[in-house]
């Protein structure tokens, strides 16, 4: 949450985090944080994001994507695809 700015971002992050926790997928996001930190420390370049992953605000906050889904009103359910 410390990487979020404003109530809209905090609310979206909390909503997505609740989904991640319900899927028991926290370990995946922790691993992604580690990977992005390693990539940055090595000055590696990765893509801006593609497909449904750009609709996930948590991936933007972590740094996996460079596209803020809130700027484009993208629905995070596109990424999580929960039935």
N, C-alpha and C. Protein backbone atom coordinates (compact mmCIF):
# COMPACT_ATOMS: atom_id res chain seq x y z
N UNK A 1 0.82 -1.20 0.00
CA UNK A 1 0.00 0.00 0.00
C UNK A 1 0.87 1.26 0.00
N UNK A 2 2.09 1.13 0.48
CA UNK A 2 2.95 2.31 0.56
C UNK A 2 3.31 2.85 -0.83
N UNK A 3 3.15 2.05 -1.86
CA UNK A 3 3.44 2.49 -3.22
C UNK A 3 2.25 3.15 -3.90
N UNK A 4 1.11 3.15 -3.21
CA UNK A 4 -0.12 3.72 -3.77
C UNK A 4 -0.24 5.20 -3.41
N UNK A 5 -0.86 5.94 -4.33
CA UNK A 5 -1.08 7.37 -4.11
C UNK A 5 -2.58 7.63 -4.22
N UNK A 6 -3.18 8.07 -3.15
CA UNK A 6 -4.59 8.43 -3.18
C UNK A 6 -5.52 7.26 -2.88
N UNK A 7 -6.74 7.62 -2.56
CA UNK A 7 -7.75 6.63 -2.17
C UNK A 7 -8.13 5.68 -3.30
N UNK A 8 -8.16 6.17 -4.53
CA UNK A 8 -8.54 5.32 -5.66
C UNK A 8 -7.54 4.18 -5.82
N UNK A 9 -6.26 4.49 -5.76
CA UNK A 9 -5.23 3.46 -5.89
C UNK A 9 -5.25 2.50 -4.71
N UNK A 10 -5.40 3.04 -3.51
CA UNK A 10 -5.43 2.18 -2.32
C UNK A 10 -6.63 1.24 -2.37
N UNK A 11 -7.78 1.75 -2.76
CA UNK A 11 -8.99 0.93 -2.86
C UNK A 11 -8.81 -0.19 -3.88
N UNK A 12 -8.27 0.14 -5.04
CA UNK A 12 -8.05 -0.86 -6.09
C UNK A 12 -7.05 -1.90 -5.63
N UNK A 13 -5.97 -1.47 -5.00
CA UNK A 13 -4.95 -2.40 -4.53
C UNK A 13 -5.54 -3.35 -3.48
N UNK A 14 -6.34 -2.84 -2.58
CA UNK A 14 -6.97 -3.69 -1.56
C UNK A 14 -7.90 -4.71 -2.19
N UNK A 15 -8.67 -4.28 -3.18
CA UNK A 15 -9.60 -5.18 -3.86
C UNK A 15 -8.84 -6.30 -4.57
N UNK A 16 -7.79 -5.94 -5.29
CA UNK A 16 -7.01 -6.95 -6.01
C UNK A 16 -6.26 -7.85 -5.04
N UNK A 17 -5.74 -7.28 -3.97
CA UNK A 17 -5.01 -8.07 -2.98
C UNK A 17 -5.94 -9.10 -2.33
N UNK A 18 -7.19 -8.74 -2.10
CA UNK A 18 -8.16 -9.69 -1.54
C UNK A 18 -8.36 -10.86 -2.50
N UNK A 19 -8.39 -10.58 -3.80
CA UNK A 19 -8.52 -11.65 -4.80
C UNK A 19 -7.29 -12.54 -4.78
N UNK A 20 -6.12 -11.93 -4.75
CA UNK A 20 -4.87 -12.69 -4.72
C UNK A 20 -4.83 -13.60 -3.49
N UNK A 21 -5.23 -13.07 -2.35
CA UNK A 21 -5.24 -13.87 -1.12
C UNK A 21 -6.26 -15.00 -1.21
N UNK A 22 -7.42 -14.74 -1.81
CA UNK A 22 -8.44 -15.80 -1.93
C UNK A 22 -7.97 -16.92 -2.85
N UNK A 23 -7.07 -16.60 -3.76
CA UNK A 23 -6.51 -17.61 -4.68
C UNK A 23 -5.23 -18.25 -4.13
N UNK A 24 -4.83 -17.83 -2.92
CA UNK A 24 -3.58 -18.29 -2.31
C UNK A 24 -2.40 -18.07 -3.25
N UNK A 25 -2.36 -16.90 -3.87
CA UNK A 25 -1.32 -16.61 -4.86
C UNK A 25 -0.33 -15.54 -4.40
N UNK A 26 -0.31 -15.26 -3.09
CA UNK A 26 0.61 -14.24 -2.60
C UNK A 26 2.05 -14.55 -2.96
N UNK A 27 2.43 -15.83 -2.93
CA UNK A 27 3.81 -16.22 -3.22
C UNK A 27 4.22 -15.84 -4.65
N UNK A 28 3.27 -15.87 -5.58
CA UNK A 28 3.58 -15.49 -6.95
C UNK A 28 3.92 -14.01 -7.03
N UNK A 29 3.14 -13.18 -6.34
CA UNK A 29 3.39 -11.75 -6.38
C UNK A 29 4.66 -11.39 -5.62
N UNK A 30 4.96 -12.10 -4.55
CA UNK A 30 6.22 -11.87 -3.82
C UNK A 30 7.41 -12.21 -4.72
N UNK A 31 7.26 -13.28 -5.47
CA UNK A 31 8.33 -13.68 -6.40
C UNK A 31 8.50 -12.62 -7.50
N UNK A 32 7.40 -12.09 -7.99
CA UNK A 32 7.47 -11.04 -9.01
C UNK A 32 8.17 -9.79 -8.47
N UNK A 33 7.90 -9.44 -7.21
CA UNK A 33 8.60 -8.30 -6.60
C UNK A 33 10.10 -8.55 -6.58
N UNK A 34 10.48 -9.75 -6.20
CA UNK A 34 11.90 -10.12 -6.18
C UNK A 34 12.51 -10.01 -7.59
N UNK A 35 11.81 -10.57 -8.58
CA UNK A 35 12.32 -10.52 -9.96
C UNK A 35 12.50 -9.09 -10.45
N UNK A 36 11.49 -8.25 -10.25
CA UNK A 36 11.58 -6.87 -10.72
C UNK A 36 12.72 -6.14 -10.02
N UNK A 37 12.89 -6.38 -8.72
CA UNK A 37 14.01 -5.77 -7.99
C UNK A 37 15.35 -6.22 -8.57
N UNK A 38 15.47 -7.50 -8.92
CA UNK A 38 16.70 -8.02 -9.52
C UNK A 38 16.94 -7.42 -10.90
N UNK A 39 15.88 -7.36 -11.69
CA UNK A 39 16.01 -6.77 -13.03
C UNK A 39 16.49 -5.32 -12.93
N UNK A 40 15.89 -4.57 -12.02
CA UNK A 40 16.29 -3.17 -11.86
C UNK A 40 17.74 -3.06 -11.41
N UNK A 41 18.14 -3.90 -10.48
CA UNK A 41 19.52 -3.82 -9.97
C UNK A 41 20.55 -4.16 -11.05
N UNK A 42 20.15 -4.91 -12.07
CA UNK A 42 21.03 -5.28 -13.17
C UNK A 42 20.82 -4.41 -14.40
N UNK A 43 19.98 -3.37 -14.25
CA UNK A 43 19.65 -2.47 -15.37
C UNK A 43 19.11 -3.22 -16.58
N UNK A 44 18.33 -4.27 -16.33
CA UNK A 44 17.70 -5.01 -17.41
C UNK A 44 16.41 -4.31 -17.83
N UNK A 45 16.06 -4.48 -19.08
CA UNK A 45 14.84 -3.87 -19.62
C UNK A 45 13.84 -4.99 -19.92
N UNK A 46 12.59 -4.78 -19.55
CA UNK A 46 11.54 -5.74 -19.87
C UNK A 46 10.39 -4.98 -20.49
N UNK A 47 9.43 -5.70 -21.02
CA UNK A 47 8.33 -5.10 -21.76
C UNK A 47 7.41 -4.23 -20.93
N UNK A 48 6.59 -3.47 -21.61
CA UNK A 48 5.66 -2.56 -20.92
C UNK A 48 4.44 -3.30 -20.42
N UNK A 49 4.21 -4.50 -20.87
CA UNK A 49 3.05 -5.29 -20.49
C UNK A 49 2.18 -5.56 -21.70
N UNK A 50 1.47 -6.66 -21.64
CA UNK A 50 0.60 -6.99 -22.76
C UNK A 50 -0.54 -7.88 -22.29
N UNK A 51 -1.56 -7.93 -23.09
CA UNK A 51 -2.70 -8.77 -22.78
C UNK A 51 -3.44 -8.32 -21.54
N UNK A 52 -4.07 -9.28 -20.89
CA UNK A 52 -4.89 -8.95 -19.72
C UNK A 52 -4.06 -8.54 -18.51
N UNK A 53 -2.75 -8.80 -18.52
CA UNK A 53 -1.92 -8.43 -17.37
C UNK A 53 -1.91 -6.93 -17.12
N UNK A 54 -2.14 -6.13 -18.16
CA UNK A 54 -2.13 -4.67 -17.96
C UNK A 54 -3.37 -4.18 -17.22
N UNK A 55 -4.36 -5.05 -17.02
CA UNK A 55 -5.54 -4.63 -16.27
C UNK A 55 -5.35 -4.82 -14.76
N UNK A 56 -4.24 -5.41 -14.36
CA UNK A 56 -3.96 -5.67 -12.94
C UNK A 56 -3.13 -4.52 -12.35
N UNK A 57 -3.74 -3.78 -11.45
CA UNK A 57 -3.06 -2.64 -10.82
C UNK A 57 -1.87 -3.10 -9.98
N UNK A 58 -1.98 -4.25 -9.31
CA UNK A 58 -0.87 -4.73 -8.50
C UNK A 58 0.38 -4.97 -9.34
N UNK A 59 0.21 -5.48 -10.55
CA UNK A 59 1.37 -5.68 -11.43
C UNK A 59 1.99 -4.36 -11.83
N UNK A 60 1.18 -3.33 -11.99
CA UNK A 60 1.70 -2.00 -12.29
C UNK A 60 2.49 -1.47 -11.10
N UNK A 61 1.93 -1.61 -9.91
CA UNK A 61 2.59 -1.10 -8.70
C UNK A 61 3.92 -1.82 -8.47
N UNK A 62 3.92 -3.13 -8.69
CA UNK A 62 5.15 -3.90 -8.53
C UNK A 62 6.19 -3.50 -9.57
N UNK A 63 5.74 -3.13 -10.75
CA UNK A 63 6.65 -2.72 -11.80
C UNK A 63 6.74 -3.71 -12.95
N UNK A 64 5.89 -4.73 -12.93
CA UNK A 64 5.87 -5.70 -14.03
C UNK A 64 5.38 -5.02 -15.30
N UNK A 65 4.34 -4.21 -15.15
CA UNK A 65 3.78 -3.45 -16.27
C UNK A 65 4.09 -1.97 -16.10
N UNK A 66 4.17 -1.28 -17.18
CA UNK A 66 4.39 0.17 -17.13
C UNK A 66 3.11 0.93 -17.46
N UNK A 67 2.00 0.20 -17.57
CA UNK A 67 0.72 0.80 -17.91
C UNK A 67 -0.18 0.80 -16.69
N UNK A 68 -0.61 1.97 -16.27
CA UNK A 68 -1.50 2.08 -15.11
C UNK A 68 -2.94 1.81 -15.59
N UNK A 69 -3.53 0.70 -15.16
CA UNK A 69 -4.88 0.37 -15.61
C UNK A 69 -5.94 1.37 -15.16
N UNK A 70 -5.65 2.12 -14.12
CA UNK A 70 -6.60 3.13 -13.66
C UNK A 70 -6.70 4.29 -14.64
N UNK A 71 -5.62 4.56 -15.34
CA UNK A 71 -5.63 5.64 -16.34
C UNK A 71 -6.55 5.31 -17.52
N UNK A 72 -6.79 4.02 -17.74
CA UNK A 72 -7.57 3.59 -18.89
C UNK A 72 -8.86 2.87 -18.50
N UNK A 73 -9.18 2.93 -17.19
CA UNK A 73 -10.41 2.32 -16.67
C UNK A 73 -10.50 0.84 -17.06
N UNK A 74 -9.38 0.11 -16.90
CA UNK A 74 -9.36 -1.31 -17.23
C UNK A 74 -9.85 -2.13 -16.04
N UNK A 75 -10.68 -3.10 -16.31
CA UNK A 75 -11.28 -3.94 -15.29
C UNK A 75 -10.33 -5.06 -14.90
N UNK A 76 -9.98 -5.14 -13.61
CA UNK A 76 -9.04 -6.15 -13.14
C UNK A 76 -9.59 -7.57 -13.26
N UNK A 77 -10.89 -7.72 -13.41
CA UNK A 77 -11.45 -9.05 -13.59
C UNK A 77 -10.99 -9.68 -14.91
N UNK A 78 -10.55 -8.85 -15.85
CA UNK A 78 -9.97 -9.36 -17.10
C UNK A 78 -8.73 -10.20 -16.81
N UNK A 79 -7.93 -9.77 -15.84
CA UNK A 79 -6.71 -10.48 -15.51
C UNK A 79 -7.00 -11.71 -14.67
N UNK A 80 -7.80 -11.54 -13.62
CA UNK A 80 -8.04 -12.63 -12.68
C UNK A 80 -9.01 -13.68 -13.22
N UNK A 81 -9.93 -13.29 -14.08
CA UNK A 81 -10.88 -14.21 -14.72
C UNK A 81 -11.48 -15.21 -13.74
N UNK A 82 -12.06 -14.70 -12.69
CA UNK A 82 -12.71 -15.53 -11.67
C UNK A 82 -14.12 -15.82 -12.09
N UNK A 83 -14.53 -17.07 -11.97
CA UNK A 83 -15.90 -17.45 -12.32
C UNK A 83 -16.76 -17.51 -11.10
